[in-house]
C-alpha atoms as a PDB file:
ATOM      1  CA  MET A   1       5.131   0.371 -68.709  1.00  0.00           C
ATOM      2  CA  LYS A   2       7.356  -0.678 -65.779  1.00  0.00           C
ATOM      3  CA  ASN A   3      10.441  -0.866 -68.004  1.00  0.00           C
ATOM      4  CA  LEU A   4       9.826   2.732 -69.120  1.00  0.00           C
ATOM      5  CA  TYR A   5       9.656   3.783 -65.470  1.00  0.00           C
ATOM      6  CA  TYR A   6      12.952   1.997 -64.651  1.00  0.00           C
ATOM      7  CA  LYS A   7      14.632   3.562 -67.709  1.00  0.00           C
ATOM      8  CA  LEU A   8      13.546   7.044 -66.705  1.00  0.00           C
ATOM      9  CA  ILE A   9      14.748   6.582 -63.135  1.00  0.00           C
ATOM     10  CA  LEU A  10      18.022   5.131 -64.454  1.00  0.00           C
ATOM     11  CA  ALA A  11      18.525   8.158 -66.754  1.00  0.00           C
ATOM     12  CA  TRP A  12      18.003  10.452 -63.786  1.00  0.00           C
ATOM     13  CA  GLU A  13      20.528   8.493 -61.678  1.00  0.00           C
ATOM     14  CA  LEU A  14      23.100   8.455 -64.513  1.00  0.00           C
ATOM     15  CA  GLN A  15      22.890  12.262 -64.796  1.00  0.00           C
ATOM     16  CA  ARG A  16      23.319  12.639 -61.041  1.00  0.00           C
ATOM     17  CA  LEU A  17      26.412  10.406 -61.177  1.00  0.00           C
ATOM     18  CA  TYR A  18      27.809  12.391 -64.083  1.00  0.00           C
ATOM     19  CA  ASP A  19      27.217  15.620 -62.195  1.00  0.00           C
ATOM     20  CA  SER A  20      29.096  14.174 -59.235  1.00  0.00           C
ATOM     21  CA  GLU A  21      31.995  12.984 -61.498  1.00  0.00           C
ATOM     22  CA  ILE A  22      31.435   9.346 -60.710  1.00  0.00           C
ATOM     23  CA  ASN A  23      32.007   7.022 -63.639  1.00  0.00           C
ATOM     24  CA  VAL A  24      29.665   4.104 -64.144  1.00  0.00           C
ATOM     25  CA  GLN A  25      29.564   1.089 -66.435  1.00  0.00           C
ATOM     26  CA  ILE A  26      26.383  -0.890 -67.020  1.00  0.00           C
ATOM     27  CA  PHE A  27      26.383  -3.751 -69.451  1.00  0.00           C
ATOM     28  CA  SER A  28      24.810  -7.061 -70.261  1.00  0.00           C
ATOM     29  CA  PHE A  29      25.838 -10.129 -72.178  1.00  0.00           C
ATOM     30  CA  TRP A  30      23.145 -12.144 -73.907  1.00  0.00           C
ATOM     31  CA  ASP A  31      20.538 -13.070 -71.301  1.00  0.00           C
ATOM     32  CA  GLY A  32      22.871 -12.833 -68.308  1.00  0.00           C
ATOM     33  CA  ALA A  33      21.028  -9.816 -66.808  1.00  0.00           C
ATOM     34  CA  TRP A  34      22.929  -6.588 -66.036  1.00  0.00           C
ATOM     35  CA  MET A  35      26.328  -5.909 -64.466  1.00  0.00           C
ATOM     36  CA  VAL A  36      26.998  -2.596 -62.703  1.00  0.00           C
ATOM     37  CA  MET A  37      30.394  -1.129 -61.806  1.00  0.00           C
ATOM     38  CA  LEU A  38      31.496   2.305 -60.666  1.00  0.00           C
ATOM     39  CA  GLY A  39      34.891   3.676 -61.681  1.00  0.00           C
ATOM     40  CA  ASP A  40      36.950   3.450 -64.856  1.00  0.00           C
ATOM     41  CA  GLU A  41      39.778   1.540 -66.461  1.00  0.00           C
ATOM     42  CA  ILE A  42      42.450   4.007 -65.300  1.00  0.00           C
ATOM     43  CA  ASN A  43      41.497   4.188 -61.607  1.00  0.00           C
ATOM     44  CA  GLY A  44      39.890   0.796 -61.271  1.00  0.00           C
ATOM     45  CA  PHE A  45      36.321  -0.412 -60.821  1.00  0.00           C
ATOM     46  CA  GLN A  46      34.197  -0.868 -57.749  1.00  0.00           C
ATOM     47  CA  LYS A  47      32.112  -3.973 -58.243  1.00  0.00           C
ATOM     48  CA  PRO A  48      29.265  -5.366 -56.128  1.00  0.00           C
ATOM     49  CA  ASP A  49      29.648  -8.656 -54.256  1.00  0.00           C
ATOM     50  CA  TRP A  50      27.065 -10.242 -56.591  1.00  0.00           C
ATOM     51  CA  ASP A  51      27.468 -10.763 -60.307  1.00  0.00           C
ATOM     52  CA  THR A  52      24.310  -9.525 -62.033  1.00  0.00           C
ATOM     53  CA  CYS A  53      21.001  -7.846 -61.436  1.00  0.00           C
ATOM     54  CA  GLU A  54      17.694  -7.290 -63.174  1.00  0.00           C
ATOM     55  CA  LEU A  55      16.685  -3.958 -64.724  1.00  0.00           C
ATOM     56  CA  HIS A  56      14.738  -2.826 -61.643  1.00  0.00           C
ATOM     57  CA  GLU A  57      17.788  -3.533 -59.437  1.00  0.00           C
ATOM     58  CA  ILE A  58      20.278  -1.320 -61.293  1.00  0.00           C
ATOM     59  CA  VAL A  59      19.537   1.931 -59.480  1.00  0.00           C
ATOM     60  CA  PRO A  60      19.617   0.321 -55.994  1.00  0.00           C
ATOM     61  CA  ALA A  61      22.915  -1.351 -56.970  1.00  0.00           C
ATOM     62  CA  ILE A  62      24.410   1.990 -58.044  1.00  0.00           C
ATOM     63  CA  ARG A  63      23.326   3.603 -54.806  1.00  0.00           C
ATOM     64  CA  GLU A  64      24.748   0.759 -52.694  1.00  0.00           C
ATOM     65  CA  LEU A  65      28.100   0.952 -54.478  1.00  0.00           C
ATOM     66  CA  ALA A  66      28.217   4.754 -54.226  1.00  0.00           C
ATOM     67  CA  ARG A  67      27.431   4.698 -50.508  1.00  0.00           C
ATOM     68  CA  GLU A  68      30.222   2.203 -49.930  1.00  0.00           C
ATOM     69  CA  HIS A  69      32.927   3.644 -52.207  1.00  0.00           C
ATOM     70  CA  TYR A  70      32.045   7.337 -52.598  1.00  0.00           C
ATOM     71  CA  PRO A  71      30.490   8.273 -49.205  1.00  0.00           C
ATOM     72  CA  ASN A  72      31.541  11.904 -49.369  1.00  0.00           C
ATOM     73  CA  SER A  73      30.333  12.523 -52.919  1.00  0.00           C
ATOM     74  CA  THR A  74      27.565  14.994 -53.796  1.00  0.00           C
ATOM     75  CA  TYR A  75      25.662  12.064 -55.267  1.00  0.00           C
ATOM     76  CA  VAL A  76      25.520  10.219 -51.922  1.00  0.00           C
ATOM     77  CA  LYS A  77      24.805  13.320 -49.910  1.00  0.00           C
ATOM     78  CA  HIS A  78      21.625  13.855 -51.931  1.00  0.00           C
ATOM     79  CA  LEU A  79      20.301  10.316 -51.728  1.00  0.00           C
END
């Protein structure tokens, strides 16, 4: 049940990022947990200082990166 909760919250956050025109990449490789980056291949990526996170840490990671790299965005203003 917890995973469903985290997925719903993540879906909400992804929509908010999209609405604020902030690109995000979330991926995993085998059992190496999740990697989160904001940005894109053309303009570059903003990566956290740590390598990976667990499912329940994805949204806090996105928020941390957004506060640091997109402080004037609509997304951050509504956190």
